[in-house]
C-alpha atoms as a PDB file:
ATOM      1  CA  MET A   1      48.296  31.594  36.227  1.00  0.00           C
ATOM      2  CA  LYS A   2      46.355  28.330  35.932  1.00  0.00           C
ATOM      3  CA  ARG A   3      43.112  30.286  35.523  1.00  0.00           C
ATOM      4  CA  ILE A   4      44.599  32.368  32.688  1.00  0.00           C
ATOM      5  CA  SER A   5      46.035  29.269  31.049  1.00  0.00           C
ATOM      6  CA  ARG A   6      42.689  27.432  31.183  1.00  0.00           C
ATOM      7  CA  HIS A   7      40.906  30.493  29.853  1.00  0.00           C
ATOM      8  CA  TRP A   8      43.159  30.633  26.789  1.00  0.00           C
ATOM      9  CA  ILE A   9      42.905  26.886  26.260  1.00  0.00           C
ATOM     10  CA  ASN A  10      39.103  27.158  26.234  1.00  0.00           C
ATOM     11  CA  ARG A  11      39.212  30.065  23.800  1.00  0.00           C
ATOM     12  CA  CYS A  12      41.562  28.174  21.493  1.00  0.00           C
ATOM     13  CA  PHE A  13      39.323  25.128  21.610  1.00  0.00           C
ATOM     14  CA  VAL A  14      36.216  27.172  20.759  1.00  0.00           C
ATOM     15  CA  PHE A  15      38.092  28.874  17.919  1.00  0.00           C
ATOM     16  CA  ALA A  16      39.274  25.508  16.554  1.00  0.00           C
ATOM     17  CA  ALA A  17      35.748  24.069  16.777  1.00  0.00           C
ATOM     18  CA  TRP A  18      34.220  27.024  14.928  1.00  0.00           C
ATOM     19  CA  THR A  19      36.977  26.911  12.321  1.00  0.00           C
ATOM     20  CA  ALA A  20      36.403  23.200  11.695  1.00  0.00           C
ATOM     21  CA  ALA A  21      32.640  23.732  11.474  1.00  0.00           C
ATOM     22  CA  GLY A  22      33.138  26.647   9.096  1.00  0.00           C
ATOM     23  CA  LEU A  23      35.441  24.647   6.826  1.00  0.00           C
ATOM     24  CA  CYS A  24      32.985  21.755   6.704  1.00  0.00           C
ATOM     25  CA  GLY A  25      30.168  24.178   5.912  1.00  0.00           C
ATOM     26  CA  LEU A  26      32.190  25.817   3.132  1.00  0.00           C
ATOM     27  CA  LEU A  27      33.065  22.443   1.604  1.00  0.00           C
ATOM     28  CA  LEU A  28      29.432  21.344   1.696  1.00  0.00           C
ATOM     29  CA  ALA A  29      28.217  24.651   0.271  1.00  0.00           C
ATOM     30  CA  GLY A  30      30.834  24.500  -2.493  1.00  0.00           C
ATOM     31  CA  LEU A  31      29.852  20.937  -3.401  1.00  0.00           C
ATOM     32  CA  LEU A  32      26.140  21.748  -3.467  1.00  0.00           C
ATOM     33  CA  ALA A  33      26.755  24.915  -5.481  1.00  0.00           C
ATOM     34  CA  ALA A  34      28.867  23.045  -8.052  1.00  0.00           C
ATOM     35  CA  ILE A  35      26.265  20.283  -8.509  1.00  0.00           C
ATOM     36  CA  THR A  36      23.447  22.823  -8.748  1.00  0.00           C
ATOM     37  CA  TRP A  37      25.307  25.076 -11.193  1.00  0.00           C
ATOM     38  CA  LYS A  38      26.324  22.284 -13.538  1.00  0.00           C
ATOM     39  CA  GLY A  39      23.159  20.238 -13.134  1.00  0.00           C
ATOM     40  CA  MET A  40      20.690  23.032 -13.886  1.00  0.00           C
ATOM     41  CA  GLY A  41      21.781  22.937 -17.522  1.00  0.00           C
ATOM     42  CA  ALA A  42      20.092  19.540 -17.891  1.00  0.00           C
ATOM     43  CA  MET A  43      16.910  20.424 -16.020  1.00  0.00           C
ATOM     44  CA  ASN A  44      13.882  20.551 -18.283  1.00  0.00           C
ATOM     45  CA  PRO A  45      10.593  18.614 -18.582  1.00  0.00           C
ATOM     46  CA  GLU A  46      12.014  16.344 -21.279  1.00  0.00           C
ATOM     47  CA  PHE A  47      14.920  15.301 -19.048  1.00  0.00           C
ATOM     48  CA  LEU A  48      12.588  14.390 -16.181  1.00  0.00           C
ATOM     49  CA  LEU A  49       9.752  12.802 -18.159  1.00  0.00           C
ATOM     50  CA  THR A  50      11.389  10.788 -20.941  1.00  0.00           C
ATOM     51  CA  ARG A  51      13.339   7.542 -20.971  1.00  0.00           C
ATOM     52  CA  ALA A  52      17.107   7.314 -21.369  1.00  0.00           C
ATOM     53  CA  ARG A  53      18.553   6.542 -24.797  1.00  0.00           C
ATOM     54  CA  ASP A  54      22.015   5.586 -26.048  1.00  0.00           C
ATOM     55  CA  PHE A  55      23.046   4.268 -22.597  1.00  0.00           C
ATOM     56  CA  GLY A  56      22.029   7.541 -20.955  1.00  0.00           C
ATOM     57  CA  SER A  57      23.890   9.960 -23.197  1.00  0.00           C
ATOM     58  CA  ALA A  58      20.546  11.055 -24.650  1.00  0.00           C
ATOM     59  CA  GLY A  59      17.007  11.241 -23.314  1.00  0.00           C
ATOM     60  CA  GLY A  60      15.993  11.617 -19.708  1.00  0.00           C
ATOM     61  CA  ILE A  61      15.777   9.837 -16.362  1.00  0.00           C
ATOM     62  CA  PHE A  62      12.076   9.046 -15.930  1.00  0.00           C
ATOM     63  CA  TYR A  63      12.463   5.318 -15.355  1.00  0.00           C
ATOM     64  CA  GLN A  64      15.571   5.816 -13.198  1.00  0.00           C
ATOM     65  CA  LEU A  65      13.652   8.192 -10.935  1.00  0.00           C
ATOM     66  CA  ALA A  66      10.667   5.845 -10.796  1.00  0.00           C
ATOM     67  CA  GLY A  67      12.914   2.872 -10.014  1.00  0.00           C
ATOM     68  CA  SER A  68      14.674   4.687  -7.161  1.00  0.00           C
ATOM     69  CA  LEU A  69      11.357   5.745  -5.621  1.00  0.00           C
ATOM     70  CA  LEU A  70       9.930   2.234  -5.987  1.00  0.00           C
ATOM     71  CA  LEU A  71      12.925   0.729  -4.178  1.00  0.00           C
ATOM     72  CA  VAL A  72      12.921   3.145  -1.238  1.00  0.00           C
ATOM     73  CA  VAL A  73       9.140   3.197  -0.766  1.00  0.00           C
ATOM     74  CA  ALA A  74       9.039  -0.612  -0.627  1.00  0.00           C
ATOM     75  CA  ALA A  75      12.054  -0.583   1.721  1.00  0.00           C
ATOM     76  CA  ALA A  76      10.261   1.875   4.012  1.00  0.00           C
ATOM     77  CA  LEU A  77       7.130  -0.300   4.130  1.00  0.00           C
ATOM     78  CA  LEU A  78       9.237  -3.351   5.007  1.00  0.00           C
ATOM     79  CA  CYS A  79      11.494  -1.613   7.525  1.00  0.00           C
ATOM     80  CA  PHE A  80       9.123   0.579   9.544  1.00  0.00           C
ATOM     81  CA  PRO A  81       6.925  -2.016  11.330  1.00  0.00           C
ATOM     82  CA  VAL A  82       9.929  -4.229  12.109  1.00  0.00           C
ATOM     83  CA  ALA A  83      11.929  -1.293  13.469  1.00  0.00           C
ATOM     84  CA  VAL A  84       9.089   0.046  15.647  1.00  0.00           C
ATOM     85  CA  GLY A  85       8.334  -3.445  16.959  1.00  0.00           C
ATOM     86  CA  THR A  86      12.009  -3.982  17.796  1.00  0.00           C
ATOM     87  CA  ALA A  87      12.207  -0.643  19.609  1.00  0.00           C
ATOM     88  CA  LEU A  88       9.046  -1.379  21.623  1.00  0.00           C
ATOM     89  CA  PHE A  89      10.253  -4.858  22.546  1.00  0.00           C
ATOM     90  CA  LYS A  90      13.621  -3.507  23.639  1.00  0.00           C
ATOM     91  CA  SER A  91      12.079  -0.705  25.682  1.00  0.00           C
ATOM     92  CA  GLU A  92       9.069  -2.378  27.281  1.00  0.00           C
ATOM     93  CA  TYR A  93       9.562  -6.129  27.265  1.00  0.00           C
ATOM     94  CA  LEU A  94      13.324  -6.681  27.484  1.00  0.00           C
ATOM     95  CA  ARG A  95      14.078  -6.396  31.194  1.00  0.00           C
ATOM     96  CA  SER A  96      17.611  -7.753  31.422  1.00  0.00           C
ATOM     97  CA  LYS A  97      20.199  -4.962  31.312  1.00  0.00           C
ATOM     98  CA  ARG A  98      22.712  -7.354  29.814  1.00  0.00           C
ATOM     99  CA  LEU A  99      20.365  -8.274  26.970  1.00  0.00           C
ATOM    100  CA  LYS A 100      19.536  -4.619  26.401  1.00  0.00           C
ATOM    101  CA  HIS A 101      23.219  -3.815  26.166  1.00  0.00           C
ATOM    102  CA  LEU A 102      23.739  -6.741  23.799  1.00  0.00           C
ATOM    103  CA  SER A 103      20.847  -5.623  21.593  1.00  0.00           C
ATOM    104  CA  THR A 104      22.298  -2.101  21.456  1.00  0.00           C
ATOM    105  CA  LEU A 105      25.668  -3.495  20.389  1.00  0.00           C
ATOM    106  CA  LEU A 106      24.000  -5.593  17.695  1.00  0.00           C
ATOM    107  CA  VAL A 107      22.083  -2.594  16.341  1.00  0.00           C
ATOM    108  CA  TYR A 108      25.212  -0.420  16.274  1.00  0.00           C
ATOM    109  CA  GLY A 109      27.154  -3.277  14.734  1.00  0.00           C
ATOM    110  CA  LEU A 110      24.581  -3.667  11.970  1.00  0.00           C
ATOM    111  CA  ASN A 111      24.715   0.069  11.351  1.00  0.00           C
ATOM    112  CA  GLY A 112      28.489  -0.148  10.911  1.00  0.00           C
ATOM    113  CA  VAL A 113      28.425  -2.888   8.288  1.00  0.00           C
ATOM    114  CA  PRO A 114      29.670  -1.512   4.928  1.00  0.00           C
ATOM    115  CA  SER A 115      26.957  -1.269   2.298  1.00  0.00           C
ATOM    116  CA  ILE A 116      28.829  -3.536  -0.106  1.00  0.00           C
ATOM    117  CA  ILE A 117      28.569  -6.363   2.459  1.00  0.00           C
ATOM    118  CA  PHE A 118      24.786  -6.092   2.336  1.00  0.00           C
ATOM    119  CA  GLY A 119      25.011  -6.340  -1.433  1.00  0.00           C
ATOM    120  CA  ILE A 120      27.222  -9.429  -1.289  1.00  0.00           C
ATOM    121  CA  PHE A 121      24.878 -11.041   1.232  1.00  0.00           C
ATOM    122  CA  GLY A 122      21.910 -10.357  -1.048  1.00  0.00           C
ATOM    123  CA  LEU A 123      23.789 -11.751  -4.036  1.00  0.00           C
ATOM    124  CA  ILE A 124      24.766 -14.977  -2.246  1.00  0.00           C
ATOM    125  CA  PHE A 125      21.590 -15.647  -0.259  1.00  0.00           C
ATOM    126  CA  PHE A 126      18.777 -14.350  -2.467  1.00  0.00           C
ATOM    127  CA  VAL A 127      20.177 -14.507  -6.000  1.00  0.00           C
ATOM    128  CA  ASN A 128      22.355 -17.639  -5.745  1.00  0.00           C
ATOM    129  CA  VAL A 129      20.772 -19.714  -2.954  1.00  0.00           C
ATOM    130  CA  LEU A 130      17.085 -18.794  -3.328  1.00  0.00           C
ATOM    131  CA  ASP A 131      17.475 -18.246  -7.076  1.00  0.00           C
ATOM    132  CA  THR A 132      15.365 -15.092  -7.152  1.00  0.00           C
ATOM    133  CA  GLY A 133      17.385 -13.546  -9.951  1.00  0.00           C
ATOM    134  CA  VAL A 134      17.949  -9.809 -10.219  1.00  0.00           C
ATOM    135  CA  SER A 135      14.880  -8.413  -8.462  1.00  0.00           C
ATOM    136  CA  TRP A 136      13.851  -4.952  -7.302  1.00  0.00           C
ATOM    137  CA  PHE A 137      12.017  -6.530  -4.353  1.00  0.00           C
ATOM    138  CA  VAL A 138      15.225  -8.192  -3.147  1.00  0.00           C
ATOM    139  CA  GLY A 139      16.903  -4.795  -3.451  1.00  0.00           C
ATOM    140  CA  SER A 140      14.184  -3.290  -1.262  1.00  0.00           C
ATOM    141  CA  VAL A 141      14.711  -6.013   1.350  1.00  0.00           C
ATOM    142  CA  ILE A 142      18.440  -5.262   1.444  1.00  0.00           C
ATOM    143  CA  LEU A 143      17.838  -1.506   1.713  1.00  0.00           C
ATOM    144  CA  ALA A 144      15.328  -2.155   4.512  1.00  0.00           C
ATOM    145  CA  MET A 145      18.011  -4.102   6.387  1.00  0.00           C
ATOM    146  CA  MET A 146      20.408  -1.184   5.951  1.00  0.00           C
ATOM    147  CA  MET A 147      17.834   1.330   7.222  1.00  0.00           C
ATOM    148  CA  LEU A 148      16.785  -0.812  10.187  1.00  0.00           C
ATOM    149  CA  PRO A 149      19.416   0.343  12.747  1.00  0.00           C
ATOM    150  CA  THR A 150      18.705   4.045  12.112  1.00  0.00           C
ATOM    151  CA  VAL A 151      14.954   3.634  12.526  1.00  0.00           C
ATOM    152  CA  VAL A 152      15.276   1.322  15.539  1.00  0.00           C
ATOM    153  CA  GLN A 153      17.538   3.734  17.406  1.00  0.00           C
ATOM    154  CA  ALA A 154      15.387   6.763  16.587  1.00  0.00           C
ATOM    155  CA  ALA A 155      12.207   4.977  17.682  1.00  0.00           C
ATOM    156  CA  TYR A 156      13.845   3.578  20.831  1.00  0.00           C
ATOM    157  CA  GLN A 157      15.192   6.966  21.907  1.00  0.00           C
ATOM    158  CA  ALA A 158      11.786   8.546  21.326  1.00  0.00           C
ATOM    159  CA  ILE A 159      10.038   5.870  23.404  1.00  0.00           C
ATOM    160  CA  GLU A 160      12.629   6.048  26.179  1.00  0.00           C
ATOM    161  CA  SER A 161      12.237   9.846  26.385  1.00  0.00           C
ATOM    162  CA  ILE A 162       8.532   9.518  27.281  1.00  0.00           C
ATOM    163  CA  PRO A 163       8.111  10.569  30.951  1.00  0.00           C
ATOM    164  CA  THR A 164       7.538   7.710  33.393  1.00  0.00           C
ATOM    165  CA  MET A 165       4.381   9.379  34.703  1.00  0.00           C
ATOM    166  CA  TYR A 166       2.643   8.632  31.396  1.00  0.00           C
ATOM    167  CA  ARG A 167       3.116   4.910  31.946  1.00  0.00           C
ATOM    168  CA  GLU A 168       2.179   5.158  35.624  1.00  0.00           C
ATOM    169  CA  SER A 169      -0.977   7.137  34.863  1.00  0.00           C
ATOM    170  CA  ALA A 170      -1.992   4.585  32.234  1.00  0.00           C
ATOM    171  CA  ARG A 171      -1.480   1.724  34.708  1.00  0.00           C
ATOM    172  CA  ALA A 172      -3.497   3.600  37.331  1.00  0.00           C
ATOM    173  CA  LEU A 173      -6.376   3.836  34.865  1.00  0.00           C
ATOM    174  CA  GLY A 174      -6.299   0.060  34.473  1.00  0.00           C
ATOM    175  CA  LEU A 175      -4.822  -0.147  30.998  1.00  0.00           C
ATOM    176  CA  SER A 176      -3.130  -3.380  30.037  1.00  0.00           C
ATOM    177  CA  LYS A 177       0.433  -3.552  28.737  1.00  0.00           C
ATOM    178  CA  TRP A 178      -0.760  -3.782  25.149  1.00  0.00           C
ATOM    179  CA  GLN A 179      -3.157  -0.842  25.601  1.00  0.00           C
ATOM    180  CA  ILE A 180      -0.333   1.276  27.050  1.00  0.00           C
ATOM    181  CA  VAL A 181       1.822   0.468  24.036  1.00  0.00           C
ATOM    182  CA  VAL A 182      -0.933   1.265  21.521  1.00  0.00           C
ATOM    183  CA  LYS A 183      -2.554   4.287  23.176  1.00  0.00           C
ATOM    184  CA  VAL A 184       0.403   5.919  24.934  1.00  0.00           C
ATOM    185  CA  LEU A 185       3.804   4.846  23.684  1.00  0.00           C
ATOM    186  CA  LEU A 186       3.131   4.625  19.947  1.00  0.00           C
ATOM    187  CA  PRO A 187       1.535   8.091  19.594  1.00  0.00           C
ATOM    188  CA  GLN A 188       4.271   9.660  21.723  1.00  0.00           C
ATOM    189  CA  GLY A 189       7.153   7.898  19.984  1.00  0.00           C
ATOM    190  CA  LEU A 190       5.855   8.042  16.430  1.00  0.00           C
ATOM    191  CA  GLY A 191       7.628  11.296  15.621  1.00  0.00           C
ATOM    192  CA  GLY A 192      11.076   9.906  16.396  1.00  0.00           C
ATOM    193  CA  ALA A 193      10.402   6.723  14.432  1.00  0.00           C
ATOM    194  CA  ILE A 194       9.270   8.588  11.321  1.00  0.00           C
ATOM    195  CA  THR A 195      12.215  10.961  11.582  1.00  0.00           C
ATOM    196  CA  GLY A 196      14.562   7.971  11.665  1.00  0.00           C
ATOM    197  CA  LEU A 197      12.708   6.469   8.703  1.00  0.00           C
ATOM    198  CA  PHE A 198      13.220   9.560   6.543  1.00  0.00           C
ATOM    199  CA  LEU A 199      16.881   9.777   7.537  1.00  0.00           C
ATOM    200  CA  GLY A 200      17.270   6.123   6.597  1.00  0.00           C
ATOM    201  CA  LEU A 201      15.576   6.830   3.255  1.00  0.00           C
ATOM    202  CA  ALA A 202      17.947   9.729   2.644  1.00  0.00           C
ATOM    203  CA  ARG A 203      20.820   7.287   2.951  1.00  0.00           C
ATOM    204  CA  ALA A 204      19.184   4.437   1.045  1.00  0.00           C
ATOM    205  CA  VAL A 205      18.141   6.425  -2.034  1.00  0.00           C
ATOM    206  CA  GLY A 206      21.763   7.232  -2.852  1.00  0.00           C
ATOM    207  CA  GLU A 207      23.176   3.724  -2.378  1.00  0.00           C
ATOM    208  CA  THR A 208      24.707   1.924  -5.329  1.00  0.00           C
ATOM    209  CA  ALA A 209      26.777  -0.969  -3.990  1.00  0.00           C
ATOM    210  CA  PRO A 210      24.000  -2.921  -2.166  1.00  0.00           C
ATOM    211  CA  ILE A 211      21.658  -3.023  -5.167  1.00  0.00           C
ATOM    212  CA  MET A 212      23.984  -2.962  -8.175  1.00  0.00           C
ATOM    213  CA  PHE A 213      24.210  -6.746  -8.605  1.00  0.00           C
ATOM    214  CA  ILE A 214      20.884  -7.836  -7.130  1.00  0.00           C
ATOM    215  CA  ALA A 215      18.201  -5.320  -8.139  1.00  0.00           C
ATOM    216  CA  THR A 216      19.233  -3.043 -10.990  1.00  0.00           C
ATOM    217  CA  ALA A 217      20.126  -3.027 -14.652  1.00  0.00           C
ATOM    218  CA  PHE A 218      22.059  -0.278 -16.376  1.00  0.00           C
ATOM    219  CA  SER A 219      19.794   0.014 -19.431  1.00  0.00           C
ATOM    220  CA  GLY A 220      16.855  -1.510 -21.297  1.00  0.00           C
ATOM    221  CA  VAL A 221      14.532  -1.578 -18.264  1.00  0.00           C
ATOM    222  CA  ASP A 222      11.307   0.310 -17.645  1.00  0.00           C
ATOM    223  CA  VAL A 223       8.588  -0.310 -15.019  1.00  0.00           C
ATOM    224  CA  PRO A 224       8.812  -3.874 -13.600  1.00  0.00           C
ATOM    225  CA  GLY A 225       5.802  -6.135 -14.106  1.00  0.00           C
ATOM    226  CA  SER A 226       6.455  -8.401 -11.100  1.00  0.00           C
ATOM    227  CA  LEU A 227       8.402  -8.613  -7.850  1.00  0.00           C
ATOM    228  CA  PHE A 228      11.285 -10.451  -9.485  1.00  0.00           C
ATOM    229  CA  GLU A 229      12.248  -8.081 -12.262  1.00  0.00           C
ATOM    230  CA  PRO A 230      15.064  -5.510 -12.219  1.00  0.00           C
ATOM    231  CA  VAL A 231      14.750  -1.734 -12.231  1.00  0.00           C
ATOM    232  CA  THR A 232      17.106   1.032 -13.190  1.00  0.00           C
ATOM    233  CA  THR A 233      17.928   3.668 -10.571  1.00  0.00           C
ATOM    234  CA  LEU A 234      19.530   7.081 -10.330  1.00  0.00           C
ATOM    235  CA  PRO A 235      22.790   5.924  -8.644  1.00  0.00           C
ATOM    236  CA  THR A 236      23.450   3.148 -11.177  1.00  0.00           C
ATOM    237  CA  HIS A 237      22.532   5.483 -14.027  1.00  0.00           C
ATOM    238  CA  LEU A 238      24.969   8.055 -12.666  1.00  0.00           C
ATOM    239  CA  LEU A 239      27.670   5.383 -12.515  1.00  0.00           C
ATOM    240  CA  ALA A 240      27.036   4.447 -16.144  1.00  0.00           C
ATOM    241  CA  LEU A 241      27.157   8.085 -17.234  1.00  0.00           C
ATOM    242  CA  ALA A 242      30.396   8.688 -15.337  1.00  0.00           C
ATOM    243  CA  GLN A 243      32.055   6.045 -17.521  1.00  0.00           C
ATOM    244  CA  GLN A 244      31.190   8.169 -20.576  1.00  0.00           C
ATOM    245  CA  ALA A 245      32.785  11.344 -19.242  1.00  0.00           C
ATOM    246  CA  THR A 246      34.405  12.100 -22.612  1.00  0.00           C
ATOM    247  CA  ASP A 247      30.950  12.642 -24.132  1.00  0.00           C
ATOM    248  CA  PRO A 248      29.772  16.221 -23.298  1.00  0.00           C
ATOM    249  CA  GLN A 249      26.075  15.287 -23.472  1.00  0.00           C
ATOM    250  CA  ALA A 250      26.550  12.264 -21.206  1.00  0.00           C
ATOM    251  CA  LEU A 251      28.500  14.427 -18.756  1.00  0.00           C
ATOM    252  CA  GLN A 252      25.722  17.022 -18.751  1.00  0.00           C
ATOM    253  CA  ASN A 253      23.160  14.314 -18.064  1.00  0.00           C
ATOM    254  CA  ALA A 254      25.374  13.009 -15.261  1.00  0.00           C
ATOM    255  CA  TRP A 255      25.352  16.414 -13.557  1.00  0.00           C
ATOM    256  CA  GLY A 256      21.580  16.600 -13.976  1.00  0.00           C
ATOM    257  CA  THR A 257      21.142  13.110 -12.518  1.00  0.00           C
ATOM    258  CA  GLY A 258      23.350  14.076  -9.581  1.00  0.00           C
ATOM    259  CA  LEU A 259      21.249  17.177  -8.968  1.00  0.00           C
ATOM    260  CA  VAL A 260      18.006  15.168  -8.951  1.00  0.00           C
ATOM    261  CA  LEU A 261      19.551  12.603  -6.604  1.00  0.00           C
ATOM    262  CA  MET A 262      20.782  15.348  -4.286  1.00  0.00           C
ATOM    263  CA  GLY A 263      17.300  16.856  -4.357  1.00  0.00           C
ATOM    264  CA  LEU A 264      15.767  13.535  -3.255  1.00  0.00           C
ATOM    265  CA  VAL A 265      18.230  13.209  -0.390  1.00  0.00           C
ATOM    266  CA  THR A 266      17.501  16.794   0.697  1.00  0.00           C
ATOM    267  CA  CYS A 267      13.739  16.238   0.503  1.00  0.00           C
ATOM    268  CA  PHE A 268      13.871  13.130   2.690  1.00  0.00           C
ATOM    269  CA  SER A 269      16.078  14.912   5.234  1.00  0.00           C
ATOM    270  CA  VAL A 270      13.771  17.940   5.388  1.00  0.00           C
ATOM    271  CA  LEU A 271      10.703  15.711   5.649  1.00  0.00           C
ATOM    272  CA  GLY A 272      12.325  13.987   8.611  1.00  0.00           C
ATOM    273  CA  LEU A 273      12.786  17.268  10.465  1.00  0.00           C
ATOM    274  CA  VAL A 274       9.323  18.563   9.575  1.00  0.00           C
ATOM    275  CA  SER A 275       7.593  15.328  10.549  1.00  0.00           C
ATOM    276  CA  ARG A 276       9.352  15.306  13.914  1.00  0.00           C
ATOM    277  CA  THR A 277       8.102  18.822  14.703  1.00  0.00           C
ATOM    278  CA  LYS A 278       4.563  18.221  13.459  1.00  0.00           C
ATOM    279  CA  LEU A 279       4.123  14.840  15.107  1.00  0.00           C
ATOM    280  CA  ARG A 280       5.563  16.083  18.394  1.00  0.00           C
ATOM    281  CA  ARG A 281       2.865  18.768  18.496  1.00  0.00           C
ATOM    282  CA  PHE A 282       0.220  16.169  17.608  1.00  0.00           C
ATOM    283  CA  SER A 283       1.360  13.779  20.362  1.00  0.00           C
ATOM    284  CA  GLN A 284       1.269  16.544  22.973  1.00  0.00           C
ATOM    285  CA  ARG A 285      -2.407  17.306  22.410  1.00  0.00           C
END
């Protein structure tokens, strides 16, 4: 009787799990289909290659797309070396289990901080205290801080998954600690770090709250001429267009902007998966 009861409980659990997964998949597919269907009406070369006019209700999104890419590329360049260095230090140089546990808690805690808190911190510390003004570079620093936990954890897990015999063989050959890190651990763990970087970029490119008051302007901005000038981005442009929902042309441009933003997120996610596969093959040679 117990065996029959457990059998049916397992079957019910599997059915519930598949049902939940199917519902989530249907919701995601429906959302993507709706954005694609409505956004394709705005897709043309003029929309992608011209500047916005009339607060976004006319024209295109060229400078918004350029501003978003500028922010996330700079954030990636700032975040990646710090994240890889943190992961290597935690894995190879931090010997105390208590400190390792504490560092893990700090990384997870940073990952759980709401994005608006990062924006408020940037506004108080950089804009008000350091008097940087509204600056795309400050926005990149804040986005790099947001991405840091994802990249650190991905790099750390990749380094920790390297078999112990690799380290032992390197020591037997007389390699120093630094040589082991550079010649063994970095090539083997690079795939996980880059995967985490692209996943972090997929999150960062769609953020509005952290950069809205410290890095972006809603209109009248093109390519910045220095580190301490604002940019306009796709998320803030989408927010501005959403406030003009009664205008059919602005609404059409909003759907098109959402489609481009979704495409960027998808591209970064796919690049993360592809890079992991390619770099894993490279590291195994």
